[in-house]
Amino acid sequence: MKAVTTQQATPGSNLTAAQSADSPTGHATLKDRWWAIFDARIGSLPAPVYFVLLAVLAAMTLRGKLASDLPTGIALVAVGGFTCADLAKRIPWIRHIGATSIFAAFIPSMLIYYKLMPVPVIKAVTDFTRTSNFLYLFIAAIIVGSVLSMDRETLIKGFVRIFIPVAAGSVAAACVGTGVGVALGMDLRHALFMVVVPIMAGGVGEGALPLSAGYAQIMGVEQGPLFAQALSAVMLGNIAAICCAGLLSYLGARKPRWTGNGRLTVASHADDEAMRNAPQSFEFDVSSVAAAGATAIALYLLGVLSHQLFDWPAPVVMLILVVAAQLFQVVSPRVRGGARFMYGFFSTAVTYPLMFAISVAMTPWGEIVTAFHWVNIVTAVSTVLTLVVTGFVVGKLVGMYPVEAAIVNATHSGLGGTGDVAILTAANRMELMPFAQIATRIGGAITVMMALAAFAWIH
C-alpha cells in the first residue's frame, strides 16, 4: 500500500498540492502564484483587498470625501481592527497575554488622544458606530448563536454552577483589593467604593454611572468628579482582565486537562457517551442562517421592549429568553445549525472591527491616563487577580474547568458588553459569552445595589 500524504494550504503559502496538480508541468503558474497571494490574510481580509481598501480610504480622507455610510463604515472598522490585531500577533511574548484585544481596544483611542488619527476618520467611525449600534447586534448574535449551539445538559449545569465561583470571587476580591489599597496608603472607603466596587460593577452604563449617581446623591455633591474616578477604575480593571484572559488561554494550551476549550462544565463518562450517541441534525442552508439572524434580532428587540416597559436590562432579558428557548427546544435543529454558523461568522469576522469602532467612538484614553498612578494600578490588578484565582480554584472544586471558570470571573471585572468581547477574544473563548453576561450584568447589578446600600449606611 502506498503512503498518501496531504498538504494543507496556509495563508501566505506558495502553493497547495491541488494547485500544483492543476499545472501541466507540476510547477506553479502565474495564476497559482496570484491565488496564493490572494489567500494570504490580514485578519479576515485577503491581502490584495486589504491594500486596495487602505489606498481607497486614504484617498477619500485626503480629498475630504470620507462618508459615514454603511459600506464605508464597514471598510474603515475592518481595516483598522484587523491592522491592530495583526500587528499584535507579530510581537513576541505579549501576544500570549491578549495583545490583539488590547491593541484593538486601546491603540485607536490613544491615537485620537495624541491627535495622530485623521479627524475625518474619527468622525466617520464615530457616526457609523453610534448610528448603527452594531455592538448590540454582535452581542445578540454571539449569545443566541452560542446558547443554541450548546448541549442542553451542559447549559443547565453551567448556569446553575457559575454563580458559585462568581460570588466567591466577588467577596474575596472585595477583601483583598480593599486591603491592598489601604496597605498602600488609600483611605478604606475610597479603596472599596471608588476602586474595587466600580471594577466589579458591570461596566460604564450599568456600573460606573449608577454608582457615581448614587454616591453623589448620598453625599450631596456633583456627580462628574465621582464618575471620572469610577470610570478610571473600570478602565484599569478591564485592561487587567484582558491580560489575565490571555494568560489563562496560554495556560490552557500548556495544561490541556485544566480547560474545556470553551466548555464550562466537566462532563462525566455517562454524559460523554450520551453526547456522542445523540443525533446531530445540524444540517442547514443559507435560509437557516437568515432565520437564526432573525431569531437573534427578535429576542434582542423583546429585551429592548422589556427595558422600555419595565426598565429591565435588555441583554439579561434576551439571555433568559434564549436559554428558555433552548431548554424547551423551541428552536428547530436546522435553525440551531444556522445559529452555529452565525456565531462562527461574528466571532471570526466582526470581533476586531467592533473593538476598533468602540475604541474610537466610546473609549476615553484621557480617563485611562489619569488613572495610571501606581497605587491605583496595584489595587486594580490585585482585585482582578483575586477574582480570577478564586474562580480558578472554586470552579475546579464544583466540577467546572478551572480555566473557563476563571475567564468568566475575569469578565466580572470588565467594561460591560464591550469588556466581555475584549476579554473573551483575548482568551479565545467567545463560547462563554452567555456566562460572561451573567457575571457582568447580574453580578454587576448585585454589586451596585449592595455597594450603594453599604455606602448610605456608613456615610
Protein backbone atom coordinates (compact mmCIF):
# COMPACT_ATOMS: atom_id res chain seq x y z
CA MET A 1 0.00 0.00 0.00
CA LYS A 2 1.34 3.41 -0.92
CA ALA A 3 1.52 6.06 1.70
CA VAL A 4 -0.73 9.01 0.98
CA THR A 5 0.39 12.44 2.09
CA THR A 6 -1.63 15.61 2.17
CA GLN A 7 -0.61 19.24 2.21
CA GLN A 8 -2.73 21.85 3.87
CA ALA A 9 -2.88 25.35 2.46
CA THR A 10 -1.98 28.09 4.83
CA PRO A 11 -2.21 31.86 4.39
CA GLY A 12 0.83 33.07 2.54
CA SER A 13 1.94 29.57 1.44
CA ASN A 14 3.29 29.31 -2.10
CA LEU A 15 1.11 26.57 -3.48
CA THR A 16 -1.17 23.77 -2.37
CA ALA A 17 -0.87 20.23 -3.67
CA ALA A 18 -4.13 20.60 -5.60
CA GLN A 19 -2.89 23.74 -7.32
CA SER A 20 0.36 22.02 -8.35
CA ALA A 21 -1.59 19.13 -9.80
CA ASP A 22 -3.63 21.53 -11.96
CA SER A 23 -0.46 22.78 -13.62
CA PRO A 24 0.60 20.63 -16.64
CA THR A 25 4.27 20.86 -15.66
CA GLY A 26 3.67 20.41 -11.94
CA HIS A 27 5.16 23.88 -11.31
CA ALA A 28 3.39 26.99 -10.08
CA THR A 29 1.81 29.08 -12.81
CA LEU A 30 1.31 32.85 -12.61
CA LYS A 31 -2.35 32.27 -11.77
CA ASP A 32 -1.40 29.87 -8.98
CA ARG A 33 1.04 32.37 -7.51
CA TRP A 34 -1.58 35.12 -7.61
CA TRP A 35 -4.10 32.87 -5.88
CA ALA A 36 -1.52 32.11 -3.18
CA ILE A 37 -1.09 35.86 -2.64
CA PHE A 38 -4.87 36.33 -2.56
CA ASP A 39 -5.18 33.59 0.06
CA ALA A 40 -2.80 35.44 2.40
CA ARG A 41 -4.84 37.12 5.12
CA ILE A 42 -4.67 40.23 7.24
CA GLY A 43 -7.35 39.32 9.73
CA SER A 44 -10.21 38.08 7.59
CA LEU A 45 -9.29 40.28 4.64
CA PRO A 46 -7.37 38.90 1.62
CA ALA A 47 -4.10 40.82 1.41
CA PRO A 48 -4.82 42.45 -2.00
CA VAL A 49 -8.28 43.53 -0.81
CA TYR A 50 -6.76 44.96 2.38
CA PHE A 51 -4.27 47.13 0.48
CA VAL A 52 -6.89 48.27 -2.04
CA LEU A 53 -9.21 49.32 0.81
CA LEU A 54 -6.34 51.07 2.58
CA ALA A 55 -5.45 53.06 -0.54
CA VAL A 56 -9.08 53.94 -1.35
CA LEU A 57 -9.87 55.07 2.22
CA ALA A 58 -6.66 57.13 2.36
CA ALA A 59 -7.58 58.85 -0.92
CA MET A 60 -11.10 59.60 0.34
CA THR A 61 -9.69 61.01 3.57
CA LEU A 62 -7.23 63.28 1.75
CA ARG A 63 -10.00 64.57 -0.55
CA GLY A 64 -12.36 65.16 2.38
CA LYS A 65 -14.94 62.79 0.90
CA LEU A 66 -14.97 60.10 3.59
CA ALA A 67 -18.62 59.22 4.19
CA SER A 68 -20.26 57.73 7.29
CA ASP A 69 -22.48 55.32 5.39
CA LEU A 70 -22.66 51.56 5.95
CA PRO A 71 -20.18 50.38 3.26
CA THR A 72 -17.54 52.98 4.17
CA GLY A 73 -18.02 52.38 7.89
CA ILE A 74 -17.58 48.63 7.47
CA ALA A 75 -14.43 49.15 5.42
CA LEU A 76 -12.96 51.58 7.98
CA VAL A 77 -13.52 49.43 11.05
CA ALA A 78 -12.43 46.26 9.22
CA VAL A 79 -9.13 47.77 8.06
CA GLY A 80 -8.50 49.43 11.44
CA GLY A 81 -9.45 46.44 13.59
CA PHE A 82 -7.56 43.83 11.59
CA THR A 83 -4.50 46.09 11.35
CA CYS A 84 -4.31 46.41 15.14
CA ALA A 85 -4.87 42.69 15.71
CA ASP A 86 -2.39 41.59 13.04
CA LEU A 87 0.27 43.93 14.40
CA ALA A 88 -0.16 42.49 17.90
CA LYS A 89 0.10 38.91 16.63
CA ARG A 90 3.59 39.66 15.28
CA ILE A 91 5.01 40.85 18.62
CA PRO A 92 6.64 38.03 20.63
CA TRP A 93 5.63 37.30 24.21
CA ILE A 94 2.89 39.90 24.66
CA ARG A 95 0.73 38.18 22.05
CA HIS A 96 0.17 35.48 24.69
CA ILE A 97 -1.44 37.91 27.16
CA GLY A 98 -4.25 39.19 24.96
CA ALA A 99 -2.25 41.74 22.98
CA THR A 100 -4.61 41.52 20.00
CA SER A 101 -7.54 42.64 22.15
CA ILE A 102 -5.50 45.29 23.94
CA PHE A 103 -4.26 46.77 20.68
CA ALA A 104 -7.70 46.80 19.02
CA ALA A 105 -9.42 48.16 22.13
CA PHE A 106 -6.97 50.88 23.16
CA ILE A 107 -4.48 51.82 20.42
CA PRO A 108 -7.11 53.75 18.35
CA SER A 109 -8.21 55.68 21.45
CA MET A 110 -4.58 56.52 22.21
CA LEU A 111 -4.03 57.73 18.64
CA ILE A 112 -7.03 60.04 18.98
CA TYR A 113 -5.81 61.39 22.33
CA TYR A 114 -2.41 62.28 20.86
CA LYS A 115 -4.05 63.66 17.67
CA LEU A 116 -2.45 61.04 15.41
CA MET A 117 -5.67 59.87 13.75
CA PRO A 118 -7.21 62.00 10.96
CA VAL A 119 -10.31 63.88 12.05
CA PRO A 120 -12.43 62.65 9.07
CA VAL A 121 -11.69 59.03 10.08
CA ILE A 122 -12.70 59.73 13.68
CA LYS A 123 -15.94 61.37 12.60
CA ALA A 124 -16.85 58.67 10.09
CA VAL A 125 -16.17 55.80 12.51
CA THR A 126 -17.94 57.53 15.40
CA ASP A 127 -21.04 58.35 13.35
CA PHE A 128 -21.15 54.82 11.93
CA THR A 129 -20.76 53.21 15.36
CA ARG A 130 -23.37 55.34 17.11
CA THR A 131 -25.99 55.21 14.35
CA SER A 132 -25.64 51.50 13.54
CA ASN A 133 -25.39 50.40 17.22
CA PHE A 134 -23.86 47.17 15.97
CA LEU A 135 -22.35 46.36 19.37
CA TYR A 136 -25.74 45.02 20.40
CA LEU A 137 -26.21 43.20 17.11
CA PHE A 138 -22.89 41.49 17.81
CA ILE A 139 -23.84 40.59 21.39
CA ALA A 140 -27.23 39.28 20.25
CA ALA A 141 -25.64 37.11 17.54
CA ILE A 142 -22.96 35.76 19.90
CA ILE A 143 -25.36 35.00 22.76
CA VAL A 144 -28.08 33.43 20.62
CA GLY A 145 -25.58 31.54 18.48
CA SER A 146 -23.58 30.15 21.41
CA VAL A 147 -26.61 29.17 23.51
CA LEU A 148 -28.47 27.48 20.64
CA SER A 149 -25.29 25.58 19.72
CA MET A 150 -24.82 24.37 23.30
CA ASP A 151 -25.81 20.97 24.64
CA ARG A 152 -28.87 21.29 26.94
CA GLU A 153 -27.30 19.39 29.84
CA THR A 154 -24.14 21.47 29.63
CA LEU A 155 -26.25 24.63 29.57
CA ILE A 156 -28.21 23.65 32.68
CA LYS A 157 -25.13 22.62 34.66
CA GLY A 158 -23.20 25.71 33.61
CA PHE A 159 -25.89 28.21 34.57
CA VAL A 160 -26.53 26.57 37.93
CA ARG A 161 -22.85 26.35 38.91
CA ILE A 162 -21.44 29.63 37.56
CA PHE A 163 -22.92 31.69 40.40
CA ILE A 164 -20.70 29.91 42.94
CA PRO A 165 -17.26 31.00 41.63
CA VAL A 166 -18.57 34.46 40.71
CA ALA A 167 -19.97 35.05 44.22
CA ALA A 168 -16.90 33.63 45.95
CA GLY A 169 -14.60 35.67 43.72
CA SER A 170 -16.53 38.89 44.37
CA VAL A 171 -16.24 38.54 48.15
CA ALA A 172 -12.56 37.59 48.02
CA ALA A 173 -11.73 40.40 45.55
CA ALA A 174 -13.51 42.99 47.69
CA CYS A 175 -11.49 41.96 50.75
CA VAL A 176 -8.10 41.61 49.03
CA GLY A 177 -8.44 44.69 46.79
CA THR A 178 -9.51 46.90 49.67
CA GLY A 179 -6.77 45.51 51.90
CA VAL A 180 -4.10 46.18 49.27
CA GLY A 181 -5.39 49.73 48.70
CA VAL A 182 -5.34 50.50 52.42
CA ALA A 183 -1.86 49.00 52.78
CA LEU A 184 -0.64 51.32 50.02
CA GLY A 185 -1.99 54.42 51.75
CA MET A 186 -5.56 54.75 50.46
CA ASP A 187 -8.48 55.60 52.67
CA LEU A 188 -10.53 52.43 53.27
CA ARG A 189 -13.75 53.95 51.96
CA HIS A 190 -12.04 55.30 48.85
CA ALA A 191 -10.32 51.99 48.12
CA LEU A 192 -13.51 49.98 48.44
CA PHE A 193 -16.12 52.26 46.89
CA MET A 194 -14.09 54.19 44.30
CA VAL A 195 -11.69 51.49 43.06
CA VAL A 196 -12.74 47.94 43.96
CA VAL A 197 -16.52 48.21 43.61
CA PRO A 198 -16.51 50.01 40.21
CA ILE A 199 -14.28 47.26 38.79
CA MET A 200 -16.96 44.65 39.61
CA ALA A 201 -20.00 46.86 38.91
CA GLY A 202 -20.66 45.74 35.33
CA GLY A 203 -19.10 48.43 33.15
CA VAL A 204 -19.99 52.07 32.50
CA GLY A 205 -23.71 52.35 31.75
CA GLU A 206 -24.77 49.67 34.23
CA GLY A 207 -21.96 50.24 36.74
CA ALA A 208 -19.95 53.47 36.92
CA LEU A 209 -22.89 55.74 36.04
CA PRO A 210 -25.44 54.49 38.61
CA LEU A 211 -22.72 54.12 41.22
CA SER A 212 -21.48 57.70 40.81
CA ALA A 213 -25.06 59.00 40.69
CA GLY A 214 -25.89 57.16 43.90
CA TYR A 215 -22.71 58.34 45.64
CA ALA A 216 -23.38 61.94 44.56
CA GLN A 217 -26.95 61.84 45.84
CA ILE A 218 -25.92 60.35 49.19
CA MET A 219 -23.07 62.84 49.65
CA GLY A 220 -24.89 65.84 48.15
CA VAL A 221 -22.11 66.65 45.66
CA GLU A 222 -21.68 66.82 41.88
CA GLN A 223 -21.62 63.52 40.00
CA GLY A 224 -18.93 64.44 37.42
CA PRO A 225 -15.74 64.04 39.51
CA LEU A 226 -17.06 60.86 41.11
CA PHE A 227 -17.89 59.40 37.70
CA ALA A 228 -14.38 60.18 36.42
CA GLN A 229 -12.83 58.33 39.37
CA ALA A 230 -15.11 55.32 38.95
CA LEU A 231 -14.53 55.24 35.19
CA SER A 232 -10.74 55.22 35.59
CA ALA A 233 -11.01 52.22 37.93
CA VAL A 234 -13.25 50.40 35.44
CA MET A 235 -10.72 51.00 32.66
CA LEU A 236 -7.82 49.69 34.73
CA GLY A 237 -9.79 46.61 35.75
CA ASN A 238 -10.70 45.92 32.14
CA ILE A 239 -7.07 46.07 30.99
CA ALA A 240 -6.01 43.75 33.82
CA ALA A 241 -8.82 41.31 32.96
CA ILE A 242 -7.79 41.21 29.29
CA CYS A 243 -4.20 40.38 30.27
CA CYS A 244 -5.40 37.68 32.68
CA ALA A 245 -7.61 36.18 29.98
CA GLY A 246 -4.68 35.98 27.58
CA LEU A 247 -2.54 34.28 30.23
CA LEU A 248 -5.35 31.82 31.01
CA SER A 249 -5.63 30.92 27.34
CA TYR A 250 -1.87 30.27 27.26
CA LEU A 251 -2.15 28.23 30.47
CA GLY A 252 -4.92 26.13 28.94
CA ALA A 253 -2.73 25.38 25.93
CA ARG A 254 0.09 24.24 28.22
CA LYS A 255 -2.18 22.29 30.61
CA PRO A 256 -4.97 20.74 28.49
CA ARG A 257 -6.54 18.92 31.44
CA TRP A 258 -7.44 22.27 33.01
CA THR A 259 -9.52 23.55 30.10
CA GLY A 260 -12.61 22.52 28.19
CA ASN A 261 -11.64 24.79 25.26
CA GLY A 262 -14.80 26.84 25.69
CA ARG A 263 -16.83 24.24 27.54
CA LEU A 264 -17.53 25.27 31.13
CA THR A 265 -18.53 22.10 32.99
CA VAL A 266 -16.62 18.81 33.24
CA ALA A 267 -18.73 16.02 31.77
CA SER A 268 -18.93 12.58 33.36
CA HIS A 269 -18.29 9.43 31.35
CA ALA A 270 -22.04 8.88 31.02
CA ASP A 271 -22.52 12.45 29.77
CA ASP A 272 -19.79 11.97 27.17
CA GLU A 273 -21.41 8.77 25.96
CA ALA A 274 -24.81 10.46 25.72
CA MET A 275 -23.36 13.37 23.75
CA ARG A 276 -21.54 11.04 21.35
CA ASN A 277 -24.68 8.96 20.77
CA ALA A 278 -27.06 11.92 20.47
CA PRO A 279 -28.24 12.65 16.92
CA GLN A 280 -26.56 15.71 15.47
CA SER A 281 -29.09 17.07 13.00
CA PHE A 282 -27.49 20.43 12.32
CA GLU A 283 -27.72 20.49 8.53
CA PHE A 284 -28.56 23.98 7.41
CA ASP A 285 -28.60 26.27 4.40
CA VAL A 286 -28.47 30.00 3.75
CA SER A 287 -32.11 30.44 4.72
CA SER A 288 -31.37 28.76 8.08
CA VAL A 289 -28.63 31.31 8.77
CA ALA A 290 -31.06 34.10 7.89
CA ALA A 291 -33.67 32.54 10.20
CA ALA A 292 -31.13 32.38 13.03
CA GLY A 293 -30.27 36.05 12.49
CA ALA A 294 -33.95 36.99 12.57
CA THR A 295 -34.37 34.96 15.78
CA ALA A 296 -31.47 36.81 17.41
CA ILE A 297 -32.87 40.22 16.42
CA ALA A 298 -36.38 39.27 17.62
CA LEU A 299 -35.05 38.18 21.02
CA TYR A 300 -32.97 41.35 21.32
CA LEU A 301 -35.96 43.56 20.48
CA LEU A 302 -38.04 41.74 23.09
CA GLY A 303 -35.31 42.67 25.56
CA VAL A 304 -35.41 46.30 24.40
CA LEU A 305 -39.20 46.37 24.81
CA SER A 306 -38.92 44.97 28.33
CA HIS A 307 -36.44 47.73 29.12
CA GLN A 308 -38.85 50.37 27.80
CA LEU A 309 -41.81 48.94 29.72
CA PHE A 310 -40.28 47.68 32.97
CA ASP A 311 -36.71 49.07 32.95
CA TRP A 312 -35.28 45.53 32.87
CA PRO A 313 -31.80 45.18 31.31
CA ALA A 314 -32.28 44.20 27.66
CA PRO A 315 -29.27 41.82 27.40
CA VAL A 316 -30.35 39.93 30.54
CA VAL A 317 -33.91 39.51 29.25
CA MET A 318 -32.58 38.33 25.88
CA LEU A 319 -30.30 35.84 27.65
CA ILE A 320 -33.17 34.44 29.73
CA LEU A 321 -35.38 34.08 26.65
CA VAL A 322 -32.80 32.27 24.53
CA VAL A 323 -31.89 29.93 27.40
CA ALA A 324 -35.57 29.10 27.87
CA ALA A 325 -35.92 28.52 24.11
CA GLN A 326 -33.01 26.06 24.18
CA LEU A 327 -34.19 24.26 27.33
CA PHE A 328 -37.70 23.73 25.96
CA GLN A 329 -36.42 23.01 22.43
CA VAL A 330 -38.46 25.81 20.86
CA VAL A 331 -35.99 26.33 18.00
CA SER A 332 -35.67 23.67 15.32
CA PRO A 333 -32.36 21.81 14.75
CA ARG A 334 -31.97 23.38 11.32
CA VAL A 335 -32.18 26.92 12.69
CA ARG A 336 -29.82 25.94 15.51
CA GLY A 337 -27.36 24.91 12.82
CA GLY A 338 -27.77 28.35 11.25
CA ALA A 339 -27.17 29.91 14.67
CA ARG A 340 -23.91 27.97 14.99
CA PHE A 341 -22.73 29.34 11.64
CA MET A 342 -23.86 32.86 12.62
CA TYR A 343 -21.89 32.61 15.84
CA GLY A 344 -18.78 31.47 13.97
CA PHE A 345 -19.04 34.33 11.48
CA PHE A 346 -19.47 37.08 14.07
CA SER A 347 -16.75 35.76 16.38
CA THR A 348 -14.27 35.45 13.49
CA ALA A 349 -15.03 38.39 11.21
CA VAL A 350 -16.66 41.05 13.40
CA THR A 351 -14.84 41.00 16.75
CA TYR A 352 -11.75 43.12 15.96
CA PRO A 353 -13.59 45.64 13.73
CA LEU A 354 -16.12 46.08 16.54
CA MET A 355 -13.40 46.65 19.12
CA PHE A 356 -11.72 49.22 16.86
CA ALA A 357 -15.03 51.05 16.43
CA ILE A 358 -15.71 51.09 20.17
CA SER A 359 -12.18 52.32 20.87
CA VAL A 360 -12.64 55.25 18.50
CA ALA A 361 -16.19 56.16 19.48
CA MET A 362 -16.51 55.27 23.17
CA THR A 363 -13.14 54.76 24.90
CA PRO A 364 -11.72 57.89 26.60
CA TRP A 365 -7.96 57.44 26.71
CA GLY A 366 -7.66 60.58 28.83
CA GLU A 367 -9.52 58.87 31.68
CA ILE A 368 -7.17 55.89 31.47
CA VAL A 369 -4.10 58.14 31.57
CA THR A 370 -5.32 59.90 34.71
CA ALA A 371 -5.70 56.52 36.43
CA PHE A 372 -2.12 55.45 35.72
CA HIS A 373 -0.95 56.00 39.29
CA TRP A 374 0.93 53.01 40.67
CA VAL A 375 -1.31 52.73 43.74
CA ASN A 376 -4.45 52.55 41.60
CA ILE A 377 -2.80 50.07 39.24
CA VAL A 378 -1.66 47.72 42.01
CA THR A 379 -5.05 47.87 43.72
CA ALA A 380 -6.93 47.18 40.49
CA VAL A 381 -4.62 44.34 39.46
CA SER A 382 -4.86 42.70 42.88
CA THR A 383 -8.66 42.89 42.69
CA VAL A 384 -8.81 41.27 39.26
CA LEU A 385 -6.19 38.64 40.10
CA THR A 386 -8.15 37.65 43.20
CA LEU A 387 -11.32 37.29 41.13
CA VAL A 388 -9.51 35.13 38.58
CA VAL A 389 -7.63 32.91 41.06
CA THR A 390 -10.75 32.38 43.15
CA GLY A 391 -12.72 31.46 40.05
CA PHE A 392 -9.99 29.01 39.06
CA VAL A 393 -9.91 27.27 42.46
CA VAL A 394 -13.64 27.31 43.24
CA GLY A 395 -14.57 26.37 39.68
CA LYS A 396 -12.40 23.28 39.90
CA LEU A 397 -13.96 22.33 43.24
CA VAL A 398 -17.54 22.46 41.89
CA GLY A 399 -16.87 20.43 38.73
CA MET A 400 -16.01 23.14 36.22
CA TYR A 401 -12.97 23.52 34.02
CA PRO A 402 -10.80 25.92 36.08
CA VAL A 403 -9.54 27.91 33.08
CA GLU A 404 -13.07 28.59 31.81
CA ALA A 405 -14.39 29.40 35.30
CA ALA A 406 -11.52 31.85 35.83
CA ILE A 407 -12.19 33.52 32.46
CA VAL A 408 -15.87 34.02 33.33
CA ASN A 409 -14.82 35.54 36.65
CA ALA A 410 -12.47 37.85 34.74
CA THR A 411 -15.45 39.21 32.77
CA HIS A 412 -16.97 40.29 36.09
CA SER A 413 -14.25 42.96 36.16
CA GLY A 414 -14.74 44.01 32.55
CA LEU A 415 -16.12 47.06 30.79
CA GLY A 416 -19.68 45.77 30.36
CA GLY A 417 -20.56 44.25 27.00
CA THR A 418 -17.51 45.72 25.28
CA GLY A 419 -15.28 44.35 28.02
CA ASP A 420 -16.80 40.89 27.64
CA VAL A 421 -15.96 40.97 23.94
CA ALA A 422 -12.36 42.04 24.58
CA ILE A 423 -11.76 39.58 27.43
CA LEU A 424 -13.27 36.57 25.66
CA THR A 425 -11.40 37.47 22.48
CA ALA A 426 -8.13 37.56 24.40
CA ALA A 427 -8.98 34.15 25.86
CA ASN A 428 -10.19 32.79 22.51
CA ARG A 429 -13.34 31.59 24.33
CA MET A 430 -16.23 33.50 22.76
CA GLU A 431 -18.46 30.48 23.52
CA LEU A 432 -18.54 31.69 27.13
CA MET A 433 -20.47 34.87 26.27
CA PRO A 434 -23.76 33.70 27.89
CA PHE A 435 -21.96 33.01 31.18
CA ALA A 436 -19.99 36.24 30.85
CA GLN A 437 -23.27 38.13 30.61
CA ILE A 438 -24.39 36.56 33.88
CA ALA A 439 -21.17 37.63 35.60
CA THR A 440 -21.27 41.11 34.07
CA ARG A 441 -24.96 42.02 34.13
CA ILE A 442 -26.40 40.12 37.09
CA GLY A 443 -23.18 40.13 39.14
CA GLY A 444 -22.70 43.82 38.36
CA ALA A 445 -26.27 44.75 39.32
CA ILE A 446 -25.97 42.92 42.65
CA THR A 447 -22.63 44.64 43.30
CA VAL A 448 -24.10 48.10 42.62
CA MET A 449 -27.13 47.54 44.87
CA MET A 450 -25.08 46.20 47.77
CA ALA A 451 -22.43 48.94 47.42
CA LEU A 452 -24.97 51.78 47.43
CA ALA A 453 -26.76 50.30 50.45
CA ALA A 454 -23.46 49.96 52.34
CA PHE A 455 -22.29 53.45 51.31
CA ALA A 456 -25.54 55.02 52.52
CA TRP A 457 -25.27 53.13 55.81
CA ILE A 458 -21.70 54.18 56.65
CA HIS A 459 -21.91 57.77 55.30
